[in-house]
Amino acid sequence: MNTLEPQVGTQLLSLVQLGVVAAAVGWFAERLLNTGVSTRGLPLLAGLFGIYLSSHVFSFLPLVAGPTLAGQALLPAFVGAFVVCSFLKLASLGIAGPRW
């Protein structure tokens, strides 16, 4: 029986670490803004999209990435998750309509 290649285990561990960082950053940004959207998995998705968004935006800007955790820069990831959560907050306020 063949065993897994060592690269597969390393890649799996890095994906788990990425998920933990994304969930933590997304959870913090969502709790900070209180988006009003109660969907299961929202902090994880906001964190993942924030990491994806920040990797593209911060690649063009000559900014220091700051501290890293599991190979991911925390400040750009938080900024990206904050942008995603602020968009969701604005969308939930728009759906709620005017308050007279």
PDB file of N, CA and C in Angstrom:
ATOM      1  N   MET A   1       0.843  -1.167   0.000  1.00  0.00           N
ATOM      2  CA  MET A   1       0.000   0.000   0.000  1.00  0.00           C
ATOM      3  C   MET A   1       0.899   1.244   0.000  1.00  0.00           C
ATOM      4  N   ASN A   2       0.581   2.175  -0.871  1.00  0.00           N
ATOM      5  CA  ASN A   2       1.370   3.395  -0.973  1.00  0.00           C
ATOM      6  C   ASN A   2       0.959   4.378   0.117  1.00  0.00           C
ATOM      7  N   THR A   3       1.940   5.059   0.630  1.00  0.00           N
ATOM      8  CA  THR A   3       1.656   6.100   1.610  1.00  0.00           C
ATOM      9  C   THR A   3       1.589   7.433   0.894  1.00  0.00           C
ATOM     10  N   LEU A   4       1.084   8.429   1.586  1.00  0.00           N
ATOM     11  CA  LEU A   4       0.983   9.759   1.002  1.00  0.00           C
ATOM     12  C   LEU A   4       2.362  10.368   0.833  1.00  0.00           C
ATOM     13  N   GLU A   5       2.484  11.154  -0.178  1.00  0.00           N
ATOM     14  CA  GLU A   5       3.723  11.889  -0.392  1.00  0.00           C
ATOM     15  C   GLU A   5       3.879  12.930   0.720  1.00  0.00           C
ATOM     16  N   PRO A   6       5.114  13.264   1.074  1.00  0.00           N
ATOM     17  CA  PRO A   6       5.297  14.284   2.126  1.00  0.00           C
ATOM     18  C   PRO A   6       4.761  15.657   1.721  1.00  0.00           C
ATOM     19  N   GLN A   7       4.744  15.943   0.425  1.00  0.00           N
ATOM     20  CA  GLN A   7       4.237  17.241  -0.014  1.00  0.00           C
ATOM     21  C   GLN A   7       2.733  17.369   0.215  1.00  0.00           C
ATOM     22  N   VAL A   8       2.024  16.269   0.131  1.00  0.00           N
ATOM     23  CA  VAL A   8       0.575  16.304   0.338  1.00  0.00           C
ATOM     24  C   VAL A   8       0.270  16.669   1.791  1.00  0.00           C
ATOM     25  N   GLY A   9       0.986  16.087   2.711  1.00  0.00           N
ATOM     26  CA  GLY A   9       0.791  16.419   4.125  1.00  0.00           C
ATOM     27  C   GLY A   9       1.135  17.865   4.428  1.00  0.00           C
ATOM     28  N   THR A  10       2.198  18.365   3.833  1.00  0.00           N
ATOM     29  CA  THR A  10       2.596  19.757   4.038  1.00  0.00           C
ATOM     30  C   THR A  10       1.561  20.705   3.454  1.00  0.00           C
ATOM     31  N   GLN A  11       1.053  20.391   2.273  1.00  0.00           N
ATOM     32  CA  GLN A  11       0.038  21.240   1.661  1.00  0.00           C
ATOM     33  C   GLN A  11      -1.274  21.194   2.438  1.00  0.00           C
ATOM     34  N   LEU A  12      -1.620  20.039   2.950  1.00  0.00           N
ATOM     35  CA  LEU A  12      -2.831  19.914   3.751  1.00  0.00           C
ATOM     36  C   LEU A  12      -2.719  20.722   5.037  1.00  0.00           C
ATOM     37  N   LEU A  13      -1.563  20.666   5.670  1.00  0.00           N
ATOM     38  CA  LEU A  13      -1.340  21.450   6.884  1.00  0.00           C
ATOM     39  C   LEU A  13      -1.393  22.944   6.596  1.00  0.00           C
ATOM     40  N   SER A  14      -0.848  23.378   5.476  1.00  0.00           N
ATOM     41  CA  SER A  14      -0.889  24.802   5.144  1.00  0.00           C
ATOM     42  C   SER A  14      -2.316  25.248   4.830  1.00  0.00           C
ATOM     43  N   LEU A  15      -3.138  24.390   4.229  1.00  0.00           N
ATOM     44  CA  LEU A  15      -4.537  24.734   3.986  1.00  0.00           C
ATOM     45  C   LEU A  15      -5.328  24.847   5.284  1.00  0.00           C
ATOM     46  N   VAL A  16      -5.041  23.963   6.228  1.00  0.00           N
ATOM     47  CA  VAL A  16      -5.709  24.040   7.533  1.00  0.00           C
ATOM     48  C   VAL A  16      -5.308  25.324   8.250  1.00  0.00           C
ATOM     49  N   GLN A  17      -4.036  25.678   8.190  1.00  0.00           N
ATOM     50  CA  GLN A  17      -3.574  26.915   8.813  1.00  0.00           C
ATOM     51  C   GLN A  17      -4.209  28.136   8.157  1.00  0.00           C
ATOM     52  N   LEU A  18      -4.334  28.109   6.837  1.00  0.00           N
ATOM     53  CA  LEU A  18      -4.984  29.203   6.119  1.00  0.00           C
ATOM     54  C   LEU A  18      -6.441  29.329   6.546  1.00  0.00           C
ATOM     55  N   GLY A  19      -7.127  28.216   6.712  1.00  0.00           N
ATOM     56  CA  GLY A  19      -8.517  28.241   7.162  1.00  0.00           C
ATOM     57  C   GLY A  19      -8.659  28.799   8.563  1.00  0.00           C
ATOM     58  N   VAL A  20      -7.740  28.452   9.443  1.00  0.00           N
ATOM     59  CA  VAL A  20      -7.792  28.965  10.821  1.00  0.00           C
ATOM     60  C   VAL A  20      -7.542  30.471  10.837  1.00  0.00           C
ATOM     61  N   VAL A  21      -6.557  30.933  10.085  1.00  0.00           N
ATOM     62  CA  VAL A  21      -6.267  32.374  10.021  1.00  0.00           C
ATOM     63  C   VAL A  21      -7.453  33.119   9.413  1.00  0.00           C
ATOM     64  N   ALA A  22      -8.025  32.583   8.344  1.00  0.00           N
ATOM     65  CA  ALA A  22      -9.164  33.232   7.701  1.00  0.00           C
ATOM     66  C   ALA A  22     -10.370  33.284   8.628  1.00  0.00           C
ATOM     67  N   ALA A  23     -10.630  32.209   9.339  1.00  0.00           N
ATOM     68  CA  ALA A  23     -11.764  32.197  10.267  1.00  0.00           C
ATOM     69  C   ALA A  23     -11.562  33.188  11.405  1.00  0.00           C
ATOM     70  N   ALA A  24     -10.356  33.264  11.928  1.00  0.00           N
ATOM     71  CA  ALA A  24     -10.091  34.191  13.037  1.00  0.00           C
ATOM     72  C   ALA A  24     -10.195  35.641  12.591  1.00  0.00           C
ATOM     73  N   VAL A  25      -9.622  35.964  11.450  1.00  0.00           N
ATOM     74  CA  VAL A  25      -9.660  37.343  10.951  1.00  0.00           C
ATOM     75  C   VAL A  25     -11.087  37.721  10.562  1.00  0.00           C
ATOM     76  N   GLY A  26     -11.792  36.826   9.903  1.00  0.00           N
ATOM     77  CA  GLY A  26     -13.171  37.092   9.520  1.00  0.00           C
ATOM     78  C   GLY A  26     -14.091  37.224  10.720  1.00  0.00           C
ATOM     79  N   TRP A  27     -13.871  36.386  11.731  1.00  0.00           N
ATOM     80  CA  TRP A  27     -14.686  36.470  12.947  1.00  0.00           C
ATOM     81  C   TRP A  27     -14.487  37.810  13.645  1.00  0.00           C
ATOM     82  N   PHE A  28     -13.242  38.250  13.744  1.00  0.00           N
ATOM     83  CA  PHE A  28     -12.953  39.518  14.412  1.00  0.00           C
ATOM     84  C   PHE A  28     -13.554  40.687  13.644  1.00  0.00           C
ATOM     85  N   ALA A  29     -13.431  40.691  12.325  1.00  0.00           N
ATOM     86  CA  ALA A  29     -13.996  41.783  11.525  1.00  0.00           C
ATOM     87  C   ALA A  29     -15.517  41.776  11.588  1.00  0.00           C
ATOM     88  N   GLU A  30     -16.121  40.599  11.582  1.00  0.00           N
ATOM     89  CA  GLU A  30     -17.579  40.514  11.640  1.00  0.00           C
ATOM     90  C   GLU A  30     -18.104  40.963  13.000  1.00  0.00           C
ATOM     91  N   ARG A  31     -17.427  40.600  14.059  1.00  0.00           N
ATOM     92  CA  ARG A  31     -17.849  41.021  15.393  1.00  0.00           C
ATOM     93  C   ARG A  31     -17.625  42.515  15.607  1.00  0.00           C
ATOM     94  N   LEU A  32     -16.601  43.056  14.983  1.00  0.00           N
ATOM     95  CA  LEU A  32     -16.313  44.484  15.120  1.00  0.00           C
ATOM     96  C   LEU A  32     -17.386  45.329  14.451  1.00  0.00           C
ATOM     97  N   LEU A  33     -17.853  44.899  13.287  1.00  0.00           N
ATOM     98  CA  LEU A  33     -18.855  45.670  12.551  1.00  0.00           C
ATOM     99  C   LEU A  33     -20.289  45.254  12.836  1.00  0.00           C
ATOM    100  N   ASN A  34     -20.509  44.032  13.314  1.00  0.00           N
ATOM    101  CA  ASN A  34     -21.856  43.506  13.541  1.00  0.00           C
ATOM    102  C   ASN A  34     -22.702  43.702  12.286  1.00  0.00           C
ATOM    103  N   THR A  35     -22.399  42.914  11.268  1.00  0.00           N
ATOM    104  CA  THR A  35     -22.997  43.102   9.951  1.00  0.00           C
ATOM    105  C   THR A  35     -24.505  42.927   9.918  1.00  0.00           C
ATOM    106  N   GLY A  36     -25.064  42.205  10.838  1.00  0.00           N
ATOM    107  CA  GLY A  36     -26.501  41.972  10.825  1.00  0.00           C
ATOM    108  C   GLY A  36     -26.894  40.803   9.942  1.00  0.00           C
ATOM    109  N   VAL A  37     -25.921  40.178   9.307  1.00  0.00           N
ATOM    110  CA  VAL A  37     -26.174  39.012   8.463  1.00  0.00           C
ATOM    111  C   VAL A  37     -25.822  37.785   9.292  1.00  0.00           C
ATOM    112  N   SER A  38     -26.822  36.950   9.566  1.00  0.00           N
ATOM    113  CA  SER A  38     -26.560  35.760  10.375  1.00  0.00           C
ATOM    114  C   SER A  38     -26.573  34.529   9.471  1.00  0.00           C
ATOM    115  N   THR A  39     -25.423  34.251   8.907  1.00  0.00           N
ATOM    116  CA  THR A  39     -25.264  33.111   8.017  1.00  0.00           C
ATOM    117  C   THR A  39     -24.134  32.252   8.544  1.00  0.00           C
ATOM    118  N   ARG A  40     -24.357  30.960   8.567  1.00  0.00           N
ATOM    119  CA  ARG A  40     -23.330  30.038   9.027  1.00  0.00           C
ATOM    120  C   ARG A  40     -22.157  30.072   8.048  1.00  0.00           C
ATOM    121  N   GLY A  41     -20.946  30.229   8.582  1.00  0.00           N
ATOM    122  CA  GLY A  41     -19.751  30.241   7.751  1.00  0.00           C
ATOM    123  C   GLY A  41     -19.363  31.609   7.236  1.00  0.00           C
ATOM    124  N   LEU A  42     -20.099  32.646   7.624  1.00  0.00           N
ATOM    125  CA  LEU A  42     -19.792  33.991   7.152  1.00  0.00           C
ATOM    126  C   LEU A  42     -18.397  34.466   7.563  1.00  0.00           C
ATOM    127  N   PRO A  43     -17.966  34.268   8.817  1.00  0.00           N
ATOM    128  CA  PRO A  43     -16.614  34.715   9.163  1.00  0.00           C
ATOM    129  C   PRO A  43     -15.529  34.021   8.346  1.00  0.00           C
ATOM    130  N   LEU A  44     -15.686  32.733   8.097  1.00  0.00           N
ATOM    131  CA  LEU A  44     -14.692  32.018   7.300  1.00  0.00           C
ATOM    132  C   LEU A  44     -14.666  32.538   5.870  1.00  0.00           C
ATOM    133  N   LEU A  45     -15.833  32.714   5.270  1.00  0.00           N
ATOM    134  CA  LEU A  45     -15.882  33.204   3.900  1.00  0.00           C
ATOM    135  C   LEU A  45     -15.392  34.645   3.795  1.00  0.00           C
ATOM    136  N   ALA A  46     -15.724  35.484   4.786  1.00  0.00           N
ATOM    137  CA  ALA A  46     -15.227  36.857   4.773  1.00  0.00           C
ATOM    138  C   ALA A  46     -13.715  36.878   4.921  1.00  0.00           C
ATOM    139  N   GLY A  47     -13.186  36.012   5.768  1.00  0.00           N
ATOM    140  CA  GLY A  47     -11.739  35.939   5.938  1.00  0.00           C
ATOM    141  C   GLY A  47     -11.034  35.431   4.693  1.00  0.00           C
ATOM    142  N   LEU A  48     -11.580  34.397   4.063  1.00  0.00           N
ATOM    143  CA  LEU A  48     -10.968  33.864   2.845  1.00  0.00           C
ATOM    144  C   LEU A  48     -11.015  34.879   1.714  1.00  0.00           C
ATOM    145  N   PHE A  49     -12.168  35.529   1.530  1.00  0.00           N
ATOM    146  CA  PHE A  49     -12.262  36.527   0.481  1.00  0.00           C
ATOM    147  C   PHE A  49     -11.403  37.739   0.814  1.00  0.00           C
ATOM    148  N   GLY A  50     -11.284  38.054   2.107  1.00  0.00           N
ATOM    149  CA  GLY A  50     -10.413  39.157   2.514  1.00  0.00           C
ATOM    150  C   GLY A  50      -8.955  38.865   2.236  1.00  0.00           C
ATOM    151  N   ILE A  51      -8.526  37.641   2.476  1.00  0.00           N
ATOM    152  CA  ILE A  51      -7.144  37.262   2.166  1.00  0.00           C
ATOM    153  C   ILE A  51      -6.915  37.307   0.664  1.00  0.00           C
ATOM    154  N   TYR A  52      -7.880  36.820  -0.105  1.00  0.00           N
ATOM    155  CA  TYR A  52      -7.760  36.845  -1.558  1.00  0.00           C
ATOM    156  C   TYR A  52      -7.715  38.284  -2.074  1.00  0.00           C
ATOM    157  N   LEU A  53      -8.617  39.126  -1.566  1.00  0.00           N
ATOM    158  CA  LEU A  53      -8.684  40.518  -1.988  1.00  0.00           C
ATOM    159  C   LEU A  53      -7.427  41.275  -1.597  1.00  0.00           C
ATOM    160  N   SER A  54      -6.966  41.065  -0.393  1.00  0.00           N
ATOM    161  CA  SER A  54      -5.788  41.802   0.067  1.00  0.00           C
ATOM    162  C   SER A  54      -4.517  41.351  -0.636  1.00  0.00           C
ATOM    163  N   SER A  55      -4.456  40.101  -1.050  1.00  0.00           N
ATOM    164  CA  SER A  55      -3.257  39.660  -1.754  1.00  0.00           C
ATOM    165  C   SER A  55      -3.117  40.361  -3.092  1.00  0.00           C
ATOM    166  N   HIS A  56      -4.233  40.683  -3.731  1.00  0.00           N
ATOM    167  CA  HIS A  56      -4.168  41.393  -5.005  1.00  0.00           C
ATOM    168  C   HIS A  56      -3.938  42.883  -4.805  1.00  0.00           C
ATOM    169  N   VAL A  57      -4.590  43.477  -3.830  1.00  0.00           N
ATOM    170  CA  VAL A  57      -4.463  44.920  -3.609  1.00  0.00           C
ATOM    171  C   VAL A  57      -3.088  45.269  -3.066  1.00  0.00           C
ATOM    172  N   PHE A  58      -2.616  44.525  -2.076  1.00  0.00           N
ATOM    173  CA  PHE A  58      -1.349  44.846  -1.459  1.00  0.00           C
ATOM    174  C   PHE A  58      -0.148  44.426  -2.301  1.00  0.00           C
ATOM    175  N   SER A  59      -0.359  43.682  -3.370  1.00  0.00           N
ATOM    176  CA  SER A  59       0.761  43.346  -4.251  1.00  0.00           C
ATOM    177  C   SER A  59       1.168  44.556  -5.079  1.00  0.00           C
ATOM    178  N   PHE A  60       0.242  45.472  -5.327  1.00  0.00           N
ATOM    179  CA  PHE A  60       0.556  46.668  -6.103  1.00  0.00           C
ATOM    180  C   PHE A  60       1.097  47.799  -5.235  1.00  0.00           C
ATOM    181  N   LEU A  61       0.779  47.791  -3.969  1.00  0.00           N
ATOM    182  CA  LEU A  61       1.201  48.860  -3.070  1.00  0.00           C
ATOM    183  C   LEU A  61       2.482  48.469  -2.348  1.00  0.00           C
ATOM    184  N   PRO A  62       3.404  49.405  -2.217  1.00  0.00           N
ATOM    185  CA  PRO A  62       4.652  49.086  -1.521  1.00  0.00           C
ATOM    186  C   PRO A  62       4.512  49.237  -0.004  1.00  0.00           C
ATOM    187  N   LEU A  63       3.601  48.473   0.590  1.00  0.00           N
ATOM    188  CA  LEU A  63       3.384  48.533   2.031  1.00  0.00           C
ATOM    189  C   LEU A  63       4.028  47.343   2.712  1.00  0.00           C
ATOM    190  N   VAL A  64       4.385  47.534   3.944  1.00  0.00           N
ATOM    191  CA  VAL A  64       4.928  46.438   4.737  1.00  0.00           C
ATOM    192  C   VAL A  64       3.779  45.531   5.143  1.00  0.00           C
ATOM    193  N   ALA A  65       3.977  44.254   5.008  1.00  0.00           N
ATOM    194  CA  ALA A  65       2.913  43.297   5.289  1.00  0.00           C
ATOM    195  C   ALA A  65       2.610  43.179   6.774  1.00  0.00           C
ATOM    196  N   GLY A  66       3.559  43.489   7.621  1.00  0.00           N
ATOM    197  CA  GLY A  66       3.336  43.379   9.047  1.00  0.00           C
ATOM    198  C   GLY A  66       3.570  41.971   9.543  1.00  0.00           C
ATOM    199  N   PRO A  67       3.034  41.640  10.711  1.00  0.00           N
ATOM    200  CA  PRO A  67       3.251  40.302  11.267  1.00  0.00           C
ATOM    201  C   PRO A  67       2.540  39.236  10.444  1.00  0.00           C
ATOM    202  N   THR A  68       3.125  38.073  10.425  1.00  0.00           N
ATOM    203  CA  THR A  68       2.536  36.962   9.684  1.00  0.00           C
ATOM    204  C   THR A  68       2.203  35.827  10.639  1.00  0.00           C
ATOM    205  N   LEU A  69       1.219  35.063  10.268  1.00  0.00           N
ATOM    206  CA  LEU A  69       0.830  33.875  11.011  1.00  0.00           C
ATOM    207  C   LEU A  69       0.512  32.804   9.981  1.00  0.00           C
ATOM    208  N   ALA A  70       1.213  31.706  10.055  1.00  0.00           N
ATOM    209  CA  ALA A  70       1.061  30.590   9.119  1.00  0.00           C
ATOM    210  C   ALA A  70       1.310  31.031   7.684  1.00  0.00           C
ATOM    211  N   GLY A  71       2.249  31.945   7.491  1.00  0.00           N
ATOM    212  CA  GLY A  71       2.612  32.398   6.160  1.00  0.00           C
ATOM    213  C   GLY A  71       1.684  33.448   5.583  1.00  0.00           C
ATOM    214  N   GLN A  72       0.678  33.897   6.323  1.00  0.00           N
ATOM    215  CA  GLN A  72      -0.258  34.912   5.854  1.00  0.00           C
ATOM    216  C   GLN A  72      -0.056  36.192   6.652  1.00  0.00           C
ATOM    217  N   ALA A  73       0.013  37.301   5.956  1.00  0.00           N
ATOM    218  CA  ALA A  73       0.139  38.590   6.625  1.00  0.00           C
ATOM    219  C   ALA A  73      -1.187  38.944   7.287  1.00  0.00           C
ATOM    220  N   LEU A  74      -1.153  39.299   8.546  1.00  0.00           N
ATOM    221  CA  LEU A  74      -2.380  39.522   9.303  1.00  0.00           C
ATOM    222  C   LEU A  74      -3.048  40.854   8.988  1.00  0.00           C
ATOM    223  N   LEU A  75      -2.264  41.920   8.844  1.00  0.00           N
ATOM    224  CA  LEU A  75      -2.848  43.235   8.606  1.00  0.00           C
ATOM    225  C   LEU A  75      -3.593  43.301   7.273  1.00  0.00           C
ATOM    226  N   PRO A  76      -2.994  42.888   6.156  1.00  0.00           N
ATOM    227  CA  PRO A  76      -3.773  42.904   4.908  1.00  0.00           C
ATOM    228  C   PRO A  76      -4.981  41.975   4.940  1.00  0.00           C
ATOM    229  N   ALA A  77      -4.861  40.842   5.607  1.00  0.00           N
ATOM    230  CA  ALA A  77      -5.994  39.922   5.703  1.00  0.00           C
ATOM    231  C   ALA A  77      -7.130  40.553   6.496  1.00  0.00           C
ATOM    232  N   PHE A  78      -6.796  41.253   7.589  1.00  0.00           N
ATOM    233  CA  PHE A  78      -7.833  41.910   8.374  1.00  0.00           C
ATOM    234  C   PHE A  78      -8.471  43.050   7.594  1.00  0.00           C
ATOM    235  N   VAL A  79      -7.661  43.814   6.866  1.00  0.00           N
ATOM    236  CA  VAL A  79      -8.210  44.918   6.069  1.00  0.00           C
ATOM    237  C   VAL A  79      -9.159  44.372   5.005  1.00  0.00           C
ATOM    238  N   GLY A  80      -8.779  43.288   4.355  1.00  0.00           N
ATOM    239  CA  GLY A  80      -9.652  42.691   3.355  1.00  0.00           C
ATOM    240  C   GLY A  80     -10.943  42.172   3.955  1.00  0.00           C
ATOM    241  N   ALA A  81     -10.861  41.500   5.097  1.00  0.00           N
ATOM    242  CA  ALA A  81     -12.065  41.000   5.759  1.00  0.00           C
ATOM    243  C   ALA A  81     -12.931  42.151   6.256  1.00  0.00           C
ATOM    244  N   PHE A  82     -12.313  43.235   6.685  1.00  0.00           N
ATOM    245  CA  PHE A  82     -13.050  44.416   7.134  1.00  0.00           C
ATOM    246  C   PHE A  82     -13.808  45.040   5.968  1.00  0.00           C
ATOM    247  N   VAL A  83     -13.187  45.076   4.790  1.00  0.00           N
ATOM    248  CA  VAL A  83     -13.857  45.612   3.599  1.00  0.00           C
ATOM    249  C   VAL A  83     -15.057  44.739   3.232  1.00  0.00           C
ATOM    250  N   VAL A  84     -14.880  43.435   3.274  1.00  0.00           N
ATOM    251  CA  VAL A  84     -15.975  42.523   2.955  1.00  0.00           C
ATOM    252  C   VAL A  84     -17.116  42.690   3.957  1.00  0.00           C
ATOM    253  N   CYS A  85     -16.799  42.751   5.231  1.00  0.00           N
ATOM    254  CA  CYS A  85     -17.836  42.892   6.257  1.00  0.00           C
ATOM    255  C   CYS A  85     -18.507  44.264   6.199  1.00  0.00           C
ATOM    256  N   SER A  86     -17.763  45.305   5.836  1.00  0.00           N
ATOM    257  CA  SER A  86     -18.385  46.625   5.714  1.00  0.00           C
ATOM    258  C   SER A  86     -19.334  46.659   4.523  1.00  0.00           C
ATOM    259  N   PHE A  87     -18.992  45.968   3.433  1.00  0.00           N
ATOM    260  CA  PHE A  87     -19.919  45.857   2.310  1.00  0.00           C
ATOM    261  C   PHE A  87     -21.187  45.134   2.736  1.00  0.00           C
ATOM    262  N   LEU A  88     -21.048  44.058   3.514  1.00  0.00           N
ATOM    263  CA  LEU A  88     -22.228  43.339   3.997  1.00  0.00           C
ATOM    264  C   LEU A  88     -23.057  44.197   4.946  1.00  0.00           C
ATOM    265  N   LYS A  89     -22.398  45.015   5.757  1.00  0.00           N
ATOM    266  CA  LYS A  89     -23.116  45.913   6.669  1.00  0.00           C
ATOM    267  C   LYS A  89     -23.925  46.933   5.878  1.00  0.00           C
ATOM    268  N   LEU A  90     -23.321  47.517   4.838  1.00  0.00           N
ATOM    269  CA  LEU A  90     -24.042  48.474   4.009  1.00  0.00           C
ATOM    270  C   LEU A  90     -25.204  47.814   3.276  1.00  0.00           C
ATOM    271  N   ALA A  91     -25.006  46.585   2.820  1.00  0.00           N
ATOM    272  CA  ALA A  91     -26.084  45.874   2.139  1.00  0.00           C
ATOM    273  C   ALA A  91     -27.233  45.573   3.099  1.00  0.00           C
ATOM    274  N   SER A  92     -26.925  45.187   4.322  1.00  0.00           N
ATOM    275  CA  SER A  92     -27.996  44.904   5.284  1.00  0.00           C
ATOM    276  C   SER A  92     -28.721  46.177   5.693  1.00  0.00           C
ATOM    277  N   LEU A  93     -28.011  47.303   5.765  1.00  0.00           N
ATOM    278  CA  LEU A  93     -28.687  48.581   6.058  1.00  0.00           C
ATOM    279  C   LEU A  93     -29.561  49.003   4.888  1.00  0.00           C
ATOM    280  N   GLY A  94     -29.115  48.751   3.670  1.00  0.00           N
ATOM    281  CA  GLY A  94     -29.921  49.097   2.504  1.00  0.00           C
ATOM    282  C   GLY A  94     -31.166  48.240   2.399  1.00  0.00           C
ATOM    283  N   ILE A  95     -31.071  46.986   2.758  1.00  0.00           N
ATOM    284  CA  ILE A  95     -32.234  46.097   2.712  1.00  0.00           C
ATOM    285  C   ILE A  95     -33.244  46.486   3.796  1.00  0.00           C
ATOM    286  N   ALA A  96     -32.746  46.936   4.940  1.00  0.00           N
ATOM    287  CA  ALA A  96     -33.636  47.309   6.040  1.00  0.00           C
ATOM    288  C   ALA A  96     -34.497  48.509   5.687  1.00  0.00           C
ATOM    289  N   GLY A  97     -34.009  49.380   4.820  1.00  0.00           N
ATOM    290  CA  GLY A  97     -34.785  50.537   4.390  1.00  0.00           C
ATOM    291  C   GLY A  97     -34.663  51.688   5.367  1.00  0.00           C
ATOM    292  N   PRO A  98     -35.374  52.757   5.071  1.00  0.00           N
ATOM    293  CA  PRO A  98     -35.281  53.950   5.937  1.00  0.00           C
ATOM    294  C   PRO A  98     -35.976  53.709   7.281  1.00  0.00           C
ATOM    295  N   ARG A  99     -35.430  54.342   8.271  1.00  0.00           N
ATOM    296  CA  ARG A  99     -36.006  54.251   9.629  1.00  0.00           C
ATOM    297  C   ARG A  99     -36.566  55.619   9.989  1.00  0.00           C
ATOM    298  N   TRP A 100     -37.870  55.704  10.043  1.00  0.00           N
ATOM    299  CA  TRP A 100     -38.518  56.991  10.303  1.00  0.00           C
ATOM    300  C   TRP A 100     -38.746  57.169  11.727  1.00  0.00           C
TER     301      TRP A 100
END
